[in-house]
Amino acid sequence: VAALFGSCGQLSTGPVALTGLLVAASIAPLGGLAGGDVVGLALLLA
């Protein structure tokens, strides 16, 4: 999807380290609020 609608054909979109760390930092404190559903939190963050 990112390749179809982006303007730079050489960009490779997918998981990256910095965003991965931000995801971990964002969802870890909210695990209790989400009933332990960290995948659901990652989906909502996306």
All heavy atoms as atom14 arrays in JSON, in Angstrom:
{
  "sequence": "VAALFGSCGQLSTGPVALTGLLVAASIAPLGGLAGGDVVGLALLLA",
  "atom14_mask": [
    [1, 1, 1, 1, 1, 1, 1, 0, 0, 0, 0, 0, 0, 0],
    [1, 1, 1, 1, 1, 0, 0, 0, 0, 0, 0, 0, 0, 0],
    [1, 1, 1, 1, 1, 0, 0, 0, 0, 0, 0, 0, 0, 0],
    [1, 1, 1, 1, 1, 1, 1, 1, 0, 0, 0, 0, 0, 0],
    [1, 1, 1, 1, 1, 1, 1, 1, 1, 1, 1, 0, 0, 0],
    [1, 1, 1, 1, 0, 0, 0, 0, 0, 0, 0, 0, 0, 0],
    [1, 1, 1, 1, 1, 1, 0, 0, 0, 0, 0, 0, 0, 0],
    [1, 1, 1, 1, 1, 1, 0, 0, 0, 0, 0, 0, 0, 0],
    [1, 1, 1, 1, 0, 0, 0, 0, 0, 0, 0, 0, 0, 0],
    [1, 1, 1, 1, 1, 1, 1, 1, 1, 0, 0, 0, 0, 0],
    [1, 1, 1, 1, 1, 1, 1, 1, 0, 0, 0, 0, 0, 0],
    [1, 1, 1, 1, 1, 1, 0, 0, 0, 0, 0, 0, 0, 0],
    [1, 1, 1, 1, 1, 1, 1, 0, 0, 0, 0, 0, 0, 0],
    [1, 1, 1, 1, 0, 0, 0, 0, 0, 0, 0, 0, 0, 0],
    [1, 1, 1, 1, 1, 1, 1, 0, 0, 0, 0, 0, 0, 0],
    [1, 1, 1, 1, 1, 1, 1, 0, 0, 0, 0, 0, 0, 0],
    [1, 1, 1, 1, 1, 0, 0, 0, 0, 0, 0, 0, 0, 0],
    [1, 1, 1, 1, 1, 1, 1, 1, 0, 0, 0, 0, 0, 0],
    [1, 1, 1, 1, 1, 1, 1, 0, 0, 0, 0, 0, 0, 0],
    [1, 1, 1, 1, 0, 0, 0, 0, 0, 0, 0, 0, 0, 0],
    [1, 1, 1, 1, 1, 1, 1, 1, 0, 0, 0, 0, 0, 0],
    [1, 1, 1, 1, 1, 1, 1, 1, 0, 0, 0, 0, 0, 0],
    [1, 1, 1, 1, 1, 1, 1, 0, 0, 0, 0, 0, 0, 0],
    [1, 1, 1, 1, 1, 0, 0, 0, 0, 0, 0, 0, 0, 0],
    [1, 1, 1, 1, 1, 0, 0, 0, 0, 0, 0, 0, 0, 0],
    [1, 1, 1, 1, 1, 1, 0, 0, 0, 0, 0, 0, 0, 0],
    [1, 1, 1, 1, 1, 1, 1, 1, 0, 0, 0, 0, 0, 0],
    [1, 1, 1, 1, 1, 0, 0, 0, 0, 0, 0, 0, 0, 0],
    [1, 1, 1, 1, 1, 1, 1, 0, 0, 0, 0, 0, 0, 0],
    [1, 1, 1, 1, 1, 1, 1, 1, 0, 0, 0, 0, 0, 0],
    [1, 1, 1, 1, 0, 0, 0, 0, 0, 0, 0, 0, 0, 0],
    [1, 1, 1, 1, 0, 0, 0, 0, 0, 0, 0, 0, 0, 0],
    [1, 1, 1, 1, 1, 1, 1, 1, 0, 0, 0, 0, 0, 0],
    [1, 1, 1, 1, 1, 0, 0, 0, 0, 0, 0, 0, 0, 0],
    [1, 1, 1, 1, 0, 0, 0, 0, 0, 0, 0, 0, 0, 0],
    [1, 1, 1, 1, 0, 0, 0, 0, 0, 0, 0, 0, 0, 0],
    [1, 1, 1, 1, 1, 1, 1, 1, 0, 0, 0, 0, 0, 0],
    [1, 1, 1, 1, 1, 1, 1, 0, 0, 0, 0, 0, 0, 0],
    [1, 1, 1, 1, 1, 1, 1, 0, 0, 0, 0, 0, 0, 0],
    [1, 1, 1, 1, 0, 0, 0, 0, 0, 0, 0, 0, 0, 0],
    [1, 1, 1, 1, 1, 1, 1, 1, 0, 0, 0, 0, 0, 0],
    [1, 1, 1, 1, 1, 0, 0, 0, 0, 0, 0, 0, 0, 0],
    [1, 1, 1, 1, 1, 1, 1, 1, 0, 0, 0, 0, 0, 0],
    [1, 1, 1, 1, 1, 1, 1, 1, 0, 0, 0, 0, 0, 0],
    [1, 1, 1, 1, 1, 1, 1, 1, 0, 0, 0, 0, 0, 0],
    [1, 1, 1, 1, 1, 0, 0, 0, 0, 0, 0, 0, 0, 0]
  ],
  "atom14_positions": [
    [[0.84, -1.21, 0.0], [0.0, 0.0, 0.0], [0.87, 1.25, 0.0], [0.62, 2.21, -0.75], [-0.94, -0.02, 1.22], [-1.66, 1.32, 1.36], [-1.95, -1.15, 1.09], [0.0, 0.0, 0.0], [0.0, 0.0, 0.0], [0.0, 0.0, 0.0], [0.0, 0.0, 0.0], [0.0, 0.0, 0.0], [0.0, 0.0, 0.0], [0.0, 0.0, 0.0]],
    [[1.9, 1.27, 0.85], [2.78, 2.44, 0.91], [3.48, 2.66, -0.41], [3.68, 3.81, -0.84], [3.8, 2.26, 2.03], [0.0, 0.0, 0.0], [0.0, 0.0, 0.0], [0.0, 0.0, 0.0], [0.0, 0.0, 0.0], [0.0, 0.0, 0.0], [0.0, 0.0, 0.0], [0.0, 0.0, 0.0], [0.0, 0.0, 0.0], [0.0, 0.0, 0.0]],
    [[3.88, 1.58, -1.1], [4.54, 1.71, -2.4], [3.58, 2.23, -3.47], [3.96, 3.05, -4.31], [5.12, 0.36, -2.82], [0.0, 0.0, 0.0], [0.0, 0.0, 0.0], [0.0, 0.0, 0.0], [0.0, 0.0, 0.0], [0.0, 0.0, 0.0], [0.0, 0.0, 0.0], [0.0, 0.0, 0.0], [0.0, 0.0, 0.0], [0.0, 0.0, 0.0]],
    [[2.33, 1.78, -3.44], [1.36, 2.2, -4.45], [1.04, 3.69, -4.35], [0.85, 4.36, -5.37], [0.07, 1.39, -4.3], [0.13, -0.09, -4.71], [-1.17, -0.79, -4.33], [0.4, -0.22, -6.21], [0.0, 0.0, 0.0], [0.0, 0.0, 0.0], [0.0, 0.0, 0.0], [0.0, 0.0, 0.0], [0.0, 0.0, 0.0], [0.0, 0.0, 0.0]],
    [[0.99, 4.23, -3.13], [0.53, 5.6, -2.96], [1.64, 6.57, -2.57], [1.38, 7.77, -2.44], [-0.59, 5.64, -1.92], [-1.86, 4.96, -2.36], [-2.09, 3.63, -2.06], [-2.78, 5.64, -3.14], [-3.25, 2.99, -2.48], [-3.94, 5.01, -3.58], [-4.17, 3.68, -3.25], [0.0, 0.0, 0.0], [0.0, 0.0, 0.0], [0.0, 0.0, 0.0]],
    [[2.87, 6.08, -2.38], [3.98, 6.97, -2.08], [4.56, 7.56, -3.35], [4.3, 7.09, -4.46], [0.0, 0.0, 0.0], [0.0, 0.0, 0.0], [0.0, 0.0, 0.0], [0.0, 0.0, 0.0], [0.0, 0.0, 0.0], [0.0, 0.0, 0.0], [0.0, 0.0, 0.0], [0.0, 0.0, 0.0], [0.0, 0.0, 0.0], [0.0, 0.0, 0.0]],
    [[5.4, 8.58, -3.18], [5.94, 9.28, -4.34], [7.36, 8.87, -4.68], [7.86, 9.21, -5.75], [5.91, 10.8, -4.1], [6.78, 11.14, -3.02], [0.0, 0.0, 0.0], [0.0, 0.0, 0.0], [0.0, 0.0, 0.0], [0.0, 0.0, 0.0], [0.0, 0.0, 0.0], [0.0, 0.0, 0.0], [0.0, 0.0, 0.0], [0.0, 0.0, 0.0]],
    [[8.04, 8.15, -3.78], [9.42, 7.74, -4.02], [9.46, 6.23, -4.19], [9.22, 5.48, -3.23], [10.33, 8.18, -2.87], [12.08, 7.74, -3.08], [0.0, 0.0, 0.0], [0.0, 0.0, 0.0], [0.0, 0.0, 0.0], [0.0, 0.0, 0.0], [0.0, 0.0, 0.0], [0.0, 0.0, 0.0], [0.0, 0.0, 0.0], [0.0, 0.0, 0.0]],
    [[9.75, 5.76, -5.4], [9.66, 4.34, -5.71], [10.69, 3.48, -4.99], [10.51, 2.27, -4.9], [0.0, 0.0, 0.0], [0.0, 0.0, 0.0], [0.0, 0.0, 0.0], [0.0, 0.0, 0.0], [0.0, 0.0, 0.0], [0.0, 0.0, 0.0], [0.0, 0.0, 0.0], [0.0, 0.0, 0.0], [0.0, 0.0, 0.0], [0.0, 0.0, 0.0]],
    [[11.77, 4.09, -4.48], [12.82, 3.29, -3.87], [12.62, 3.07, -2.37], [13.38, 2.31, -1.75], [14.19, 3.96, -4.08], [14.68, 3.97, -5.51], [14.1, 5.11, -6.32], [13.37, 5.95, -5.8], [14.42, 5.15, -7.61], [0.0, 0.0, 0.0], [0.0, 0.0, 0.0], [0.0, 0.0, 0.0], [0.0, 0.0, 0.0], [0.0, 0.0, 0.0]],
    [[11.64, 3.73, -1.76], [11.43, 3.55, -0.32], [10.94, 2.13, -0.03], [10.05, 1.62, -0.7], [10.42, 4.55, 0.22], [10.86, 6.01, 0.33], [9.81, 6.82, 1.09], [12.2, 6.15, 1.0], [0.0, 0.0, 0.0], [0.0, 0.0, 0.0], [0.0, 0.0, 0.0], [0.0, 0.0, 0.0], [0.0, 0.0, 0.0], [0.0, 0.0, 0.0]],
    [[11.53, 1.51, 0.99], [11.13, 0.17, 1.41], [10.43, 0.3, 2.76], [11.07, 0.55, 3.79], [12.35, -0.74, 1.53], [11.98, -2.0, 2.08], [0.0, 0.0, 0.0], [0.0, 0.0, 0.0], [0.0, 0.0, 0.0], [0.0, 0.0, 0.0], [0.0, 0.0, 0.0], [0.0, 0.0, 0.0], [0.0, 0.0, 0.0], [0.0, 0.0, 0.0]],
    [[9.12, 0.12, 2.76], [8.32, 0.3, 3.97], [8.09, -1.03, 4.66], [7.87, -2.06, 4.01], [6.97, 0.95, 3.61], [7.21, 2.23, 3.0], [6.11, 1.14, 4.85], [0.0, 0.0, 0.0], [0.0, 0.0, 0.0], [0.0, 0.0, 0.0], [0.0, 0.0, 0.0], [0.0, 0.0, 0.0], [0.0, 0.0, 0.0], [0.0, 0.0, 0.0]],
    [[8.13, -0.99, 5.96], [7.91, -2.19, 6.77], [8.35, -1.91, 8.2], [8.51, -0.75, 8.59], [0.0, 0.0, 0.0], [0.0, 0.0, 0.0], [0.0, 0.0, 0.0], [0.0, 0.0, 0.0], [0.0, 0.0, 0.0], [0.0, 0.0, 0.0], [0.0, 0.0, 0.0], [0.0, 0.0, 0.0], [0.0, 0.0, 0.0], [0.0, 0.0, 0.0]],
    [[8.57, -2.94, 9.0], [9.04, -2.72, 10.37], [10.44, -2.09, 10.36], [11.28, -2.46, 9.54], [9.08, -4.13, 10.96], [8.2, -4.95, 10.08], [8.31, -4.37, 8.72], [0.0, 0.0, 0.0], [0.0, 0.0, 0.0], [0.0, 0.0, 0.0], [0.0, 0.0, 0.0], [0.0, 0.0, 0.0], [0.0, 0.0, 0.0], [0.0, 0.0, 0.0]],
    [[10.68, -1.14, 11.25], [12.0, -0.53, 11.42], [12.31, -0.44, 12.91], [11.42, -0.48, 13.76], [12.09, 0.88, 10.77], [11.88, 0.79, 9.27], [11.07, 1.83, 11.37], [0.0, 0.0, 0.0], [0.0, 0.0, 0.0], [0.0, 0.0, 0.0], [0.0, 0.0, 0.0], [0.0, 0.0, 0.0], [0.0, 0.0, 0.0], [0.0, 0.0, 0.0]],
    [[13.6, -0.29, 13.22], [14.04, -0.34, 14.62], [13.48, 0.8, 15.45], [12.96, 0.59, 16.55], [15.57, -0.34, 14.66], [0.0, 0.0, 0.0], [0.0, 0.0, 0.0], [0.0, 0.0, 0.0], [0.0, 0.0, 0.0], [0.0, 0.0, 0.0], [0.0, 0.0, 0.0], [0.0, 0.0, 0.0], [0.0, 0.0, 0.0], [0.0, 0.0, 0.0]],
    [[13.59, 2.03, 14.94], [13.19, 3.19, 15.74], [11.69, 3.16, 16.02], [11.25, 3.41, 17.16], [13.58, 4.48, 15.01], [13.55, 5.76, 15.83], [14.39, 5.62, 17.09], [14.04, 6.93, 14.99], [0.0, 0.0, 0.0], [0.0, 0.0, 0.0], [0.0, 0.0, 0.0], [0.0, 0.0, 0.0], [0.0, 0.0, 0.0], [0.0, 0.0, 0.0]],
    [[10.9, 2.86, 15.01], [9.45, 2.76, 15.21], [9.12, 1.6, 16.13], [8.21, 1.69, 16.96], [8.73, 2.6, 13.86], [9.05, 3.72, 13.02], [7.23, 2.55, 14.04], [0.0, 0.0, 0.0], [0.0, 0.0, 0.0], [0.0, 0.0, 0.0], [0.0, 0.0, 0.0], [0.0, 0.0, 0.0], [0.0, 0.0, 0.0], [0.0, 0.0, 0.0]],
    [[9.87, 0.49, 16.0], [9.65, -0.64, 16.9], [9.87, -0.27, 18.35], [9.09, -0.66, 19.24], [0.0, 0.0, 0.0], [0.0, 0.0, 0.0], [0.0, 0.0, 0.0], [0.0, 0.0, 0.0], [0.0, 0.0, 0.0], [0.0, 0.0, 0.0], [0.0, 0.0, 0.0], [0.0, 0.0, 0.0], [0.0, 0.0, 0.0], [0.0, 0.0, 0.0]],
    [[10.93, 0.51, 18.62], [11.18, 0.95, 19.99], [10.06, 1.87, 20.48], [9.63, 1.79, 21.64], [12.52, 1.67, 20.08], [12.91, 2.19, 21.47], [13.05, 1.04, 22.45], [14.2, 3.0, 21.41], [0.0, 0.0, 0.0], [0.0, 0.0, 0.0], [0.0, 0.0, 0.0], [0.0, 0.0, 0.0], [0.0, 0.0, 0.0], [0.0, 0.0, 0.0]],
    [[9.6, 2.77, 19.61], [8.49, 3.66, 19.98], [7.23, 2.87, 20.29], [6.49, 3.21, 21.22], [8.22, 4.66, 18.86], [9.22, 5.82, 18.72], [8.99, 6.57, 17.41], [9.1, 6.78, 19.9], [0.0, 0.0, 0.0], [0.0, 0.0, 0.0], [0.0, 0.0, 0.0], [0.0, 0.0, 0.0], [0.0, 0.0, 0.0], [0.0, 0.0, 0.0]],
    [[6.99, 1.82, 19.51], [5.82, 0.97, 19.77], [5.94, 0.33, 21.14], [4.99, 0.34, 21.95], [5.67, -0.09, 18.67], [4.6, -1.11, 19.05], [5.33, 0.55, 17.34], [0.0, 0.0, 0.0], [0.0, 0.0, 0.0], [0.0, 0.0, 0.0], [0.0, 0.0, 0.0], [0.0, 0.0, 0.0], [0.0, 0.0, 0.0], [0.0, 0.0, 0.0]],
    [[7.11, -0.24, 21.43], [7.32, -0.88, 22.73], [7.12, 0.11, 23.87], [6.46, -0.18, 24.88], [8.72, -1.49, 22.79], [0.0, 0.0, 0.0], [0.0, 0.0, 0.0], [0.0, 0.0, 0.0], [0.0, 0.0, 0.0], [0.0, 0.0, 0.0], [0.0, 0.0, 0.0], [0.0, 0.0, 0.0], [0.0, 0.0, 0.0], [0.0, 0.0, 0.0]],
    [[7.69, 1.32, 23.72], [7.58, 2.33, 24.77], [6.14, 2.8, 24.95], [5.73, 3.18, 26.06], [8.48, 3.51, 24.45], [0.0, 0.0, 0.0], [0.0, 0.0, 0.0], [0.0, 0.0, 0.0], [0.0, 0.0, 0.0], [0.0, 0.0, 0.0], [0.0, 0.0, 0.0], [0.0, 0.0, 0.0], [0.0, 0.0, 0.0], [0.0, 0.0, 0.0]],
    [[5.36, 2.78, 23.87], [4.0, 3.31, 23.92], [3.0, 2.32, 24.49], [2.09, 2.69, 25.22], [3.55, 3.72, 22.51], [4.44, 4.66, 21.95], [0.0, 0.0, 0.0], [0.0, 0.0, 0.0], [0.0, 0.0, 0.0], [0.0, 0.0, 0.0], [0.0, 0.0, 0.0], [0.0, 0.0, 0.0], [0.0, 0.0, 0.0], [0.0, 0.0, 0.0]],
    [[3.18, 1.03, 24.15], [2.15, 0.05, 24.54], [2.46, -0.65, 25.85], [1.54, -1.14, 26.52], [1.93, -1.0, 23.43], [3.18, -1.87, 23.23], [1.56, -0.32, 22.12], [3.0, -2.97, 22.19], [0.0, 0.0, 0.0], [0.0, 0.0, 0.0], [0.0, 0.0, 0.0], [0.0, 0.0, 0.0], [0.0, 0.0, 0.0], [0.0, 0.0, 0.0]],
    [[3.74, -0.7, 26.23], [4.09, -1.44, 27.45], [3.38, -0.89, 28.69], [2.84, -1.67, 29.49], [5.61, -1.43, 27.65], [0.0, 0.0, 0.0], [0.0, 0.0, 0.0], [0.0, 0.0, 0.0], [0.0, 0.0, 0.0], [0.0, 0.0, 0.0], [0.0, 0.0, 0.0], [0.0, 0.0, 0.0], [0.0, 0.0, 0.0], [0.0, 0.0, 0.0]],
    [[3.3, 0.43, 28.9], [2.64, 0.93, 30.11], [1.12, 0.73, 30.1], [0.48, 0.87, 31.14], [2.97, 2.44, 30.11], [4.12, 2.59, 29.17], [3.93, 1.53, 28.14], [0.0, 0.0, 0.0], [0.0, 0.0, 0.0], [0.0, 0.0, 0.0], [0.0, 0.0, 0.0], [0.0, 0.0, 0.0], [0.0, 0.0, 0.0], [0.0, 0.0, 0.0]],
    [[0.55, 0.42, 28.93], [-0.91, 0.33, 28.81], [-1.4, -1.12, 28.76], [-2.58, -1.36, 28.48], [-1.37, 1.08, 27.56], [-1.02, 2.56, 27.48], [-1.49, 3.15, 26.16], [-1.63, 3.32, 28.64], [0.0, 0.0, 0.0], [0.0, 0.0, 0.0], [0.0, 0.0, 0.0], [0.0, 0.0, 0.0], [0.0, 0.0, 0.0], [0.0, 0.0, 0.0]],
    [[-0.49, -2.07, 29.0], [-0.88, -3.47, 28.93], [-2.01, -3.82, 29.87], [-2.95, -4.54, 29.52], [0.0, 0.0, 0.0], [0.0, 0.0, 0.0], [0.0, 0.0, 0.0], [0.0, 0.0, 0.0], [0.0, 0.0, 0.0], [0.0, 0.0, 0.0], [0.0, 0.0, 0.0], [0.0, 0.0, 0.0], [0.0, 0.0, 0.0], [0.0, 0.0, 0.0]],
    [[-1.96, -3.27, 31.09], [-3.02, -3.54, 32.06], [-4.34, -2.94, 31.64], [-5.4, -3.57, 31.78], [0.0, 0.0, 0.0], [0.0, 0.0, 0.0], [0.0, 0.0, 0.0], [0.0, 0.0, 0.0], [0.0, 0.0, 0.0], [0.0, 0.0, 0.0], [0.0, 0.0, 0.0], [0.0, 0.0, 0.0], [0.0, 0.0, 0.0], [0.0, 0.0, 0.0]],
    [[-4.3, -1.72, 31.09], [-5.53, -1.06, 30.65], [-6.2, -1.82, 29.52], [-7.44, -1.82, 29.4], [-5.2, 0.37, 30.21], [-6.38, 1.28, 29.83], [-7.29, 1.5, 31.03], [-5.87, 2.62, 29.29], [0.0, 0.0, 0.0], [0.0, 0.0, 0.0], [0.0, 0.0, 0.0], [0.0, 0.0, 0.0], [0.0, 0.0, 0.0], [0.0, 0.0, 0.0]],
    [[-5.38, -2.49, 28.69], [-5.92, -3.23, 27.54], [-6.13, -4.7, 27.85], [-6.39, -5.49, 26.94], [-4.99, -3.08, 26.35], [0.0, 0.0, 0.0], [0.0, 0.0, 0.0], [0.0, 0.0, 0.0], [0.0, 0.0, 0.0], [0.0, 0.0, 0.0], [0.0, 0.0, 0.0], [0.0, 0.0, 0.0], [0.0, 0.0, 0.0], [0.0, 0.0, 0.0]],
    [[-6.02, -5.08, 29.12], [-6.19, -6.48, 29.48], [-5.1, -7.39, 28.93], [-5.35, -8.57, 28.64], [0.0, 0.0, 0.0], [0.0, 0.0, 0.0], [0.0, 0.0, 0.0], [0.0, 0.0, 0.0], [0.0, 0.0, 0.0], [0.0, 0.0, 0.0], [0.0, 0.0, 0.0], [0.0, 0.0, 0.0], [0.0, 0.0, 0.0], [0.0, 0.0, 0.0]],
    [[-3.89, -6.84, 28.77], [-2.77, -7.63, 28.27], [-2.73, -7.8, 26.77], [-1.86, -8.5, 26.25], [0.0, 0.0, 0.0], [0.0, 0.0, 0.0], [0.0, 0.0, 0.0], [0.0, 0.0, 0.0], [0.0, 0.0, 0.0], [0.0, 0.0, 0.0], [0.0, 0.0, 0.0], [0.0, 0.0, 0.0], [0.0, 0.0, 0.0], [0.0, 0.0, 0.0]],
    [[-3.62, -7.16, 26.03], [-3.68, -7.3, 24.58], [-2.7, -6.33, 23.93], [-3.09, -5.28, 23.4], [-5.1, -7.04, 24.09], [-5.26, -7.24, 22.58], [-4.35, -7.86, 21.97], [-6.25, -6.77, 22.02], [0.0, 0.0, 0.0], [0.0, 0.0, 0.0], [0.0, 0.0, 0.0], [0.0, 0.0, 0.0], [0.0, 0.0, 0.0], [0.0, 0.0, 0.0]],
    [[-1.41, -6.66, 23.95], [-0.41, -5.75, 23.4], [-0.51, -5.68, 21.87], [-0.23, -4.63, 21.28], [1.01, -6.18, 23.82], [1.22, -5.97, 25.32], [1.29, -7.63, 23.44], [0.0, 0.0, 0.0], [0.0, 0.0, 0.0], [0.0, 0.0, 0.0], [0.0, 0.0, 0.0], [0.0, 0.0, 0.0], [0.0, 0.0, 0.0], [0.0, 0.0, 0.0]],
    [[-0.91, -6.76, 21.24], [-1.08, -6.73, 19.78], [-2.2, -5.77, 19.41], [-2.08, -4.98, 18.47], [-1.36, -8.14, 19.23], [-1.68, -8.08, 17.74], [-0.17, -9.06, 19.47], [0.0, 0.0, 0.0], [0.0, 0.0, 0.0], [0.0, 0.0, 0.0], [0.0, 0.0, 0.0], [0.0, 0.0, 0.0], [0.0, 0.0, 0.0], [0.0, 0.0, 0.0]],
    [[-3.3, -5.8, 20.16], [-4.4, -4.86, 19.91], [-3.95, -3.42, 20.07], [-4.34, -2.54, 19.29], [0.0, 0.0, 0.0], [0.0, 0.0, 0.0], [0.0, 0.0, 0.0], [0.0, 0.0, 0.0], [0.0, 0.0, 0.0], [0.0, 0.0, 0.0], [0.0, 0.0, 0.0], [0.0, 0.0, 0.0], [0.0, 0.0, 0.0], [0.0, 0.0, 0.0]],
    [[-3.12, -3.17, 21.09], [-2.6, -1.81, 21.28], [-1.72, -1.39, 20.1], [-1.79, -0.24, 19.65], [-1.79, -1.74, 22.58], [-2.58, -1.79, 23.89], [-1.64, -1.9, 25.07], [-3.47, -0.55, 24.03], [0.0, 0.0, 0.0], [0.0, 0.0, 0.0], [0.0, 0.0, 0.0], [0.0, 0.0, 0.0], [0.0, 0.0, 0.0], [0.0, 0.0, 0.0]],
    [[-0.91, -2.3, 19.6], [-0.07, -2.0, 18.43], [-0.92, -1.69, 17.21], [-0.61, -0.79, 16.42], [0.88, -3.17, 18.15], [0.0, 0.0, 0.0], [0.0, 0.0, 0.0], [0.0, 0.0, 0.0], [0.0, 0.0, 0.0], [0.0, 0.0, 0.0], [0.0, 0.0, 0.0], [0.0, 0.0, 0.0], [0.0, 0.0, 0.0], [0.0, 0.0, 0.0]],
    [[-2.01, -2.44, 17.04], [-2.91, -2.18, 15.92], [-3.55, -0.8, 16.04], [-3.66, -0.06, 15.06], [-4.0, -3.26, 15.86], [-3.55, -4.69, 15.61], [-4.75, -5.64, 15.67], [-2.85, -4.82, 14.25], [0.0, 0.0, 0.0], [0.0, 0.0, 0.0], [0.0, 0.0, 0.0], [0.0, 0.0, 0.0], [0.0, 0.0, 0.0], [0.0, 0.0, 0.0]],
    [[-3.98, -0.46, 17.25], [-4.6, 0.85, 17.46], [-3.58, 1.97, 17.24], [-3.91, 3.01, 16.66], [-5.18, 0.92, 18.87], [-5.9, 2.23, 19.24], [-7.04, 2.53, 18.27], [-6.42, 2.16, 20.68], [0.0, 0.0, 0.0], [0.0, 0.0, 0.0], [0.0, 0.0, 0.0], [0.0, 0.0, 0.0], [0.0, 0.0, 0.0], [0.0, 0.0, 0.0]],
    [[-2.35, 1.75, 17.69], [-1.3, 2.75, 17.48], [-1.02, 2.93, 15.99], [-0.82, 4.05, 15.51], [-0.03, 2.33, 18.22], [1.15, 3.3, 18.19], [0.76, 4.63, 18.82], [2.35, 2.71, 18.91], [0.0, 0.0, 0.0], [0.0, 0.0, 0.0], [0.0, 0.0, 0.0], [0.0, 0.0, 0.0], [0.0, 0.0, 0.0], [0.0, 0.0, 0.0]],
    [[-1.03, 1.83, 15.25], [-0.84, 1.92, 13.8], [-1.97, 2.71, 13.15], [-1.74, 3.55, 12.27], [-0.76, 0.52, 13.19], [0.0, 0.0, 0.0], [0.0, 0.0, 0.0], [0.0, 0.0, 0.0], [0.0, 0.0, 0.0], [0.0, 0.0, 0.0], [0.0, 0.0, 0.0], [0.0, 0.0, 0.0], [0.0, 0.0, 0.0], [0.0, 0.0, 0.0]]
  ]
}
